[in-house]
Amino acid sequence: CAVSGGILDLYAIGWFRQAPGKEREG
């Protein structure tokens, strides 16, 4: 995940996924 336009230190970052027909999962 490439981050631009801001200072990375100011953000928590998460990965999420979503499969067809399923809810988004953290």
PDB file of all heavy atoms in Angstrom:
ATOM      1  N   CYS A   1       0.868  -1.176   0.000  1.00  0.00           N
ATOM      2  CA  CYS A   1       0.000   0.000   0.000  1.00  0.00           C
ATOM      3  C   CYS A   1       0.903   1.223   0.000  1.00  0.00           C
ATOM      4  O   CYS A   1       1.597   1.481   1.000  1.00  0.00           O
ATOM      5  CB  CYS A   1      -0.901  -0.020   1.225  1.00  0.00           C
ATOM      6  SG  CYS A   1      -1.940   1.452   1.429  1.00  0.00           S
ATOM      7  N   ALA A   2       0.918   1.932  -1.107  1.00  0.00           N
ATOM      8  CA  ALA A   2       1.722   3.149  -1.228  1.00  0.00           C
ATOM      9  C   ALA A   2       0.887   4.341  -0.788  1.00  0.00           C
ATOM     10  O   ALA A   2      -0.222   4.544  -1.287  1.00  0.00           O
ATOM     11  CB  ALA A   2       2.199   3.325  -2.660  1.00  0.00           C
ATOM     12  N   VAL A   3       1.440   5.116   0.121  1.00  0.00           N
ATOM     13  CA  VAL A   3       0.724   6.262   0.687  1.00  0.00           C
ATOM     14  C   VAL A   3       1.355   7.547   0.182  1.00  0.00           C
ATOM     15  O   VAL A   3       2.575   7.725   0.280  1.00  0.00           O
ATOM     16  CB  VAL A   3       0.762   6.218   2.230  1.00  0.00           C
ATOM     17  CG1 VAL A   3      -0.014   7.398   2.816  1.00  0.00           C
ATOM     18  CG2 VAL A   3       0.188   4.902   2.736  1.00  0.00           C
ATOM     19  N   SER A   4       0.548   8.454  -0.311  1.00  0.00           N
ATOM     20  CA  SER A   4       1.047   9.751  -0.782  1.00  0.00           C
ATOM     21  C   SER A   4       0.066  10.849  -0.400  1.00  0.00           C
ATOM     22  O   SER A   4      -1.078  10.580  -0.021  1.00  0.00           O
ATOM     23  CB  SER A   4       1.251   9.734  -2.296  1.00  0.00           C
ATOM     24  OG  SER A   4       0.027   9.501  -2.959  1.00  0.00           O
ATOM     25  N   GLY A   5       0.542  12.084  -0.471  1.00  0.00           N
ATOM     26  CA  GLY A   5      -0.322  13.214  -0.155  1.00  0.00           C
ATOM     27  C   GLY A   5      -0.470  13.491   1.323  1.00  0.00           C
ATOM     28  O   GLY A   5      -1.345  14.286   1.710  1.00  0.00           O
ATOM     29  N   GLY A   6       0.347  12.853   2.141  1.00  0.00           N
ATOM     30  CA  GLY A   6       0.258  13.067   3.579  1.00  0.00           C
ATOM     31  C   GLY A   6       1.421  12.418   4.296  1.00  0.00           C
ATOM     32  O   GLY A   6       2.231  11.716   3.689  1.00  0.00           O
ATOM     33  N   ILE A   7       1.504  12.654   5.570  1.00  0.00           N
ATOM     34  CA  ILE A   7       2.582  12.107   6.394  1.00  0.00           C
ATOM     35  C   ILE A   7       2.106  10.786   6.987  1.00  0.00           C
ATOM     36  O   ILE A   7       1.131  10.748   7.749  1.00  0.00           O
ATOM     37  CB  ILE A   7       2.966  13.095   7.508  1.00  0.00           C
ATOM     38  CG1 ILE A   7       3.424  14.427   6.883  1.00  0.00           C
ATOM     39  CG2 ILE A   7       4.052  12.507   8.388  1.00  0.00           C
ATOM     40  CD1 ILE A   7       3.642  15.527   7.896  1.00  0.00           C
ATOM     41  N   LEU A   8       2.793   9.713   6.652  1.00  0.00           N
ATOM     42  CA  LEU A   8       2.358   8.383   7.070  1.00  0.00           C
ATOM     43  C   LEU A   8       2.224   8.280   8.583  1.00  0.00           C
ATOM     44  O   LEU A   8       1.328   7.596   9.085  1.00  0.00           O
ATOM     45  CB  LEU A   8       3.328   7.333   6.537  1.00  0.00           C
ATOM     46  CG  LEU A   8       2.985   5.874   6.814  1.00  0.00           C
ATOM     47  CD1 LEU A   8       1.619   5.510   6.243  1.00  0.00           C
ATOM     48  CD2 LEU A   8       4.060   4.946   6.262  1.00  0.00           C
ATOM     49  N   ASP A   9       3.091   8.974   9.324  1.00  0.00           N
ATOM     50  CA  ASP A   9       3.072   8.905  10.786  1.00  0.00           C
ATOM     51  C   ASP A   9       1.767   9.393  11.403  1.00  0.00           C
ATOM     52  O   ASP A   9       1.505   9.155  12.574  1.00  0.00           O
ATOM     53  CB  ASP A   9       4.221   9.724  11.371  1.00  0.00           C
ATOM     54  CG  ASP A   9       5.548   9.014  11.266  1.00  0.00           C
ATOM     55  OD1 ASP A   9       5.553   7.852  10.805  1.00  0.00           O
ATOM     56  OD2 ASP A   9       6.573   9.606  11.638  1.00  0.00           O
ATOM     57  N   LEU A  10       0.968  10.105  10.624  1.00  0.00           N
ATOM     58  CA  LEU A  10      -0.276  10.664  11.153  1.00  0.00           C
ATOM     59  C   LEU A  10      -1.456   9.712  11.040  1.00  0.00           C
ATOM     60  O   LEU A  10      -2.566  10.059  11.450  1.00  0.00           O
ATOM     61  CB  LEU A  10      -0.603  11.965  10.417  1.00  0.00           C
ATOM     62  CG  LEU A  10       0.416  13.087  10.563  1.00  0.00           C
ATOM     63  CD1 LEU A  10      -0.046  14.316   9.792  1.00  0.00           C
ATOM     64  CD2 LEU A  10       0.669  13.424  12.027  1.00  0.00           C
ATOM     65  N   TYR A  11      -1.200   8.506  10.494  1.00  0.00           N
ATOM     66  CA  TYR A  11      -2.319   7.618  10.192  1.00  0.00           C
ATOM     67  C   TYR A  11      -2.076   6.204  10.721  1.00  0.00           C
ATOM     68  O   TYR A  11      -0.965   5.671  10.623  1.00  0.00           O
ATOM     69  CB  TYR A  11      -2.525   7.523   8.678  1.00  0.00           C
ATOM     70  CG  TYR A  11      -2.834   8.843   8.033  1.00  0.00           C
ATOM     71  CD1 TYR A  11      -1.801   9.665   7.600  1.00  0.00           C
ATOM     72  CD2 TYR A  11      -4.140   9.264   7.855  1.00  0.00           C
ATOM     73  CE1 TYR A  11      -2.075  10.881   7.004  1.00  0.00           C
ATOM     74  CE2 TYR A  11      -4.419  10.483   7.262  1.00  0.00           C
ATOM     75  CZ  TYR A  11      -3.376  11.285   6.846  1.00  0.00           C
ATOM     76  OH  TYR A  11      -3.646  12.494   6.265  1.00  0.00           O
ATOM     77  N   ALA A  12      -3.135   5.628  11.230  1.00  0.00           N
ATOM     78  CA  ALA A  12      -3.165   4.177  11.362  1.00  0.00           C
ATOM     79  C   ALA A  12      -3.613   3.624  10.010  1.00  0.00           C
ATOM     80  O   ALA A  12      -4.409   4.249   9.304  1.00  0.00           O
ATOM     81  CB  ALA A  12      -4.140   3.752  12.449  1.00  0.00           C
ATOM     82  N   ILE A  13      -3.081   2.467   9.652  1.00  0.00           N
ATOM     83  CA  ILE A  13      -3.373   1.872   8.360  1.00  0.00           C
ATOM     84  C   ILE A  13      -3.950   0.472   8.562  1.00  0.00           C
ATOM     85  O   ILE A  13      -3.485  -0.277   9.430  1.00  0.00           O
ATOM     86  CB  ILE A  13      -2.120   1.767   7.477  1.00  0.00           C
ATOM     87  CG1 ILE A  13      -1.453   3.133   7.312  1.00  0.00           C
ATOM     88  CG2 ILE A  13      -2.465   1.157   6.115  1.00  0.00           C
ATOM     89  CD1 ILE A  13      -2.243   4.135   6.506  1.00  0.00           C
ATOM     90  N   GLY A  14      -4.910   0.151   7.758  1.00  0.00           N
ATOM     91  CA  GLY A  14      -5.503  -1.179   7.855  1.00  0.00           C
ATOM     92  C   GLY A  14      -5.659  -1.821   6.496  1.00  0.00           C
ATOM     93  O   GLY A  14      -5.742  -1.145   5.471  1.00  0.00           O
ATOM     94  N   TRP A  15      -5.673  -3.138   6.508  1.00  0.00           N
ATOM     95  CA  TRP A  15      -5.996  -3.928   5.325  1.00  0.00           C
ATOM     96  C   TRP A  15      -7.363  -4.564   5.528  1.00  0.00           C
ATOM     97  O   TRP A  15      -7.636  -5.139   6.586  1.00  0.00           O
ATOM     98  CB  TRP A  15      -4.944  -5.013   5.096  1.00  0.00           C
ATOM     99  CG  TRP A  15      -3.666  -4.509   4.515  1.00  0.00           C
ATOM    100  CD1 TRP A  15      -2.533  -4.169   5.186  1.00  0.00           C
ATOM    101  CD2 TRP A  15      -3.387  -4.287   3.131  1.00  0.00           C
ATOM    102  NE1 TRP A  15      -1.572  -3.748   4.304  1.00  0.00           N
ATOM    103  CE2 TRP A  15      -2.071  -3.810   3.033  1.00  0.00           C
ATOM    104  CE3 TRP A  15      -4.122  -4.449   1.948  1.00  0.00           C
ATOM    105  CZ2 TRP A  15      -1.474  -3.500   1.813  1.00  0.00           C
ATOM    106  CZ3 TRP A  15      -3.530  -4.138   0.742  1.00  0.00           C
ATOM    107  CH2 TRP A  15      -2.223  -3.666   0.683  1.00  0.00           C
ATOM    108  N   PHE A  16      -8.168  -4.465   4.506  1.00  0.00           N
ATOM    109  CA  PHE A  16      -9.513  -5.009   4.527  1.00  0.00           C
ATOM    110  C   PHE A  16      -9.703  -5.873   3.285  1.00  0.00           C
ATOM    111  O   PHE A  16      -8.969  -5.728   2.307  1.00  0.00           O
ATOM    112  CB  PHE A  16     -10.538  -3.874   4.533  1.00  0.00           C
ATOM    113  CG  PHE A  16     -10.419  -2.964   5.717  1.00  0.00           C
ATOM    114  CD1 PHE A  16      -9.436  -1.984   5.756  1.00  0.00           C
ATOM    115  CD2 PHE A  16     -11.269  -3.087   6.793  1.00  0.00           C
ATOM    116  CE1 PHE A  16      -9.307  -1.141   6.855  1.00  0.00           C
ATOM    117  CE2 PHE A  16     -11.155  -2.254   7.894  1.00  0.00           C
ATOM    118  CZ  PHE A  16     -10.172  -1.280   7.924  1.00  0.00           C
ATOM    119  N   ARG A  17     -10.691  -6.728   3.337  1.00  0.00           N
ATOM    120  CA  ARG A  17     -10.988  -7.507   2.142  1.00  0.00           C
ATOM    121  C   ARG A  17     -12.489  -7.690   2.016  1.00  0.00           C
ATOM    122  O   ARG A  17     -13.223  -7.656   3.015  1.00  0.00           O
ATOM    123  CB  ARG A  17     -10.293  -8.864   2.171  1.00  0.00           C
ATOM    124  CG  ARG A  17     -10.770  -9.828   3.255  1.00  0.00           C
ATOM    125  CD  ARG A  17      -9.903 -11.087   3.264  1.00  0.00           C
ATOM    126  NE  ARG A  17     -10.338 -12.039   4.280  1.00  0.00           N
ATOM    127  CZ  ARG A  17      -9.679 -13.161   4.571  1.00  0.00           C
ATOM    128  NH1 ARG A  17      -8.545 -13.469   3.916  1.00  0.00           N
ATOM    129  NH2 ARG A  17     -10.144 -13.984   5.497  1.00  0.00           N
ATOM    130  N   GLN A  18     -12.895  -7.884   0.791  1.00  0.00           N
ATOM    131  CA  GLN A  18     -14.299  -8.148   0.532  1.00  0.00           C
ATOM    132  C   GLN A  18     -14.432  -9.127  -0.616  1.00  0.00           C
ATOM    133  O   GLN A  18     -13.914  -8.890  -1.711  1.00  0.00           O
ATOM    134  CB  GLN A  18     -15.070  -6.864   0.225  1.00  0.00           C
ATOM    135  CG  GLN A  18     -16.571  -7.072   0.155  1.00  0.00           C
ATOM    136  CD  GLN A  18     -17.345  -5.783   0.285  1.00  0.00           C
ATOM    137  OE1 GLN A  18     -16.839  -4.702   0.015  1.00  0.00           O
ATOM    138  NE2 GLN A  18     -18.609  -5.893   0.711  1.00  0.00           N
ATOM    139  N   ALA A  19     -15.090 -10.216  -0.333  1.00  0.00           N
ATOM    140  CA  ALA A  19     -15.382 -11.225  -1.345  1.00  0.00           C
ATOM    141  C   ALA A  19     -16.802 -11.016  -1.846  1.00  0.00           C
ATOM    142  O   ALA A  19     -17.640 -10.447  -1.135  1.00  0.00           O
ATOM    143  CB  ALA A  19     -15.221 -12.618  -0.752  1.00  0.00           C
ATOM    144  N   PRO A  20     -17.107 -11.465  -3.053  1.00  0.00           N
ATOM    145  CA  PRO A  20     -18.461 -11.302  -3.594  1.00  0.00           C
ATOM    146  C   PRO A  20     -19.514 -11.893  -2.666  1.00  0.00           C
ATOM    147  O   PRO A  20     -19.383 -13.022  -2.198  1.00  0.00           O
ATOM    148  CB  PRO A  20     -18.397 -12.062  -4.919  1.00  0.00           C
ATOM    149  CG  PRO A  20     -16.970 -12.023  -5.318  1.00  0.00           C
ATOM    150  CD  PRO A  20     -16.205 -12.094  -4.034  1.00  0.00           C
ATOM    151  N   GLY A  21     -20.524 -11.090  -2.363  1.00  0.00           N
ATOM    152  CA  GLY A  21     -21.609 -11.559  -1.529  1.00  0.00           C
ATOM    153  C   GLY A  21     -21.315 -11.592  -0.048  1.00  0.00           C
ATOM    154  O   GLY A  21     -22.142 -12.042   0.752  1.00  0.00           O
ATOM    155  N   LYS A  22     -20.137 -11.113   0.343  1.00  0.00           N
ATOM    156  CA  LYS A  22     -19.762 -11.130   1.758  1.00  0.00           C
ATOM    157  C   LYS A  22     -19.511  -9.711   2.257  1.00  0.00           C
ATOM    158  O   LYS A  22     -19.241  -8.800   1.483  1.00  0.00           O
ATOM    159  CB  LYS A  22     -18.516 -11.991   1.974  1.00  0.00           C
ATOM    160  CG  LYS A  22     -18.731 -13.468   1.690  1.00  0.00           C
ATOM    161  CD  LYS A  22     -17.524 -14.280   2.115  1.00  0.00           C
ATOM    162  CE  LYS A  22     -17.764 -15.770   1.911  1.00  0.00           C
ATOM    163  NZ  LYS A  22     -16.590 -16.576   2.336  1.00  0.00           N
ATOM    164  N   GLU A  23     -19.571  -9.568   3.567  1.00  0.00           N
ATOM    165  CA  GLU A  23     -19.298  -8.276   4.180  1.00  0.00           C
ATOM    166  C   GLU A  23     -17.809  -7.973   4.153  1.00  0.00           C
ATOM    167  O   GLU A  23     -16.970  -8.871   4.106  1.00  0.00           O
ATOM    168  CB  GLU A  23     -19.792  -8.264   5.626  1.00  0.00           C
ATOM    169  CG  GLU A  23     -21.310  -8.308   5.755  1.00  0.00           C
ATOM    170  CD  GLU A  23     -21.741  -8.149   7.209  1.00  0.00           C
ATOM    171  OE1 GLU A  23     -20.882  -8.108   8.096  1.00  0.00           O
ATOM    172  OE2 GLU A  23     -22.963  -8.057   7.435  1.00  0.00           O
ATOM    173  N   ARG A  24     -17.509  -6.702   4.183  1.00  0.00           N
ATOM    174  CA  ARG A  24     -16.119  -6.271   4.312  1.00  0.00           C
ATOM    175  C   ARG A  24     -15.550  -6.774   5.639  1.00  0.00           C
ATOM    176  O   ARG A  24     -16.212  -6.714   6.672  1.00  0.00           O
ATOM    177  CB  ARG A  24     -16.055  -4.751   4.271  1.00  0.00           C
ATOM    178  CG  ARG A  24     -14.696  -4.163   4.556  1.00  0.00           C
ATOM    179  CD  ARG A  24     -14.738  -2.649   4.404  1.00  0.00           C
ATOM    180  NE  ARG A  24     -15.682  -2.034   5.323  1.00  0.00           N
ATOM    181  CZ  ARG A  24     -15.365  -1.567   6.520  1.00  0.00           C
ATOM    182  NH1 ARG A  24     -14.145  -1.680   6.968  1.00  0.00           N
ATOM    183  NH2 ARG A  24     -16.290  -1.003   7.285  1.00  0.00           N
ATOM    184  N   GLU A  25     -14.327  -7.236   5.591  1.00  0.00           N
ATOM    185  CA  GLU A  25     -13.665  -7.770   6.786  1.00  0.00           C
ATOM    186  C   GLU A  25     -12.372  -7.019   7.034  1.00  0.00           C
ATOM    187  O   GLU A  25     -11.558  -6.851   6.118  1.00  0.00           O
ATOM    188  CB  GLU A  25     -13.367  -9.258   6.596  1.00  0.00           C
ATOM    189  CG  GLU A  25     -12.623  -9.907   7.758  1.00  0.00           C
ATOM    190  CD  GLU A  25     -12.236 -11.352   7.484  1.00  0.00           C
ATOM    191  OE1 GLU A  25     -12.199 -11.763   6.304  1.00  0.00           O
ATOM    192  OE2 GLU A  25     -11.953 -12.084   8.459  1.00  0.00           O
ATOM    193  N   GLY A  26     -12.195  -6.569   8.248  1.00  0.00           N
ATOM    194  CA  GLY A  26     -10.923  -5.977   8.645  1.00  0.00           C
ATOM    195  C   GLY A  26      -9.914  -7.092   8.852  1.00  0.00           C
ATOM    196  O   GLY A  26     -10.065  -7.875   9.786  1.00  0.00           O
TER     197      GLY A  26
END
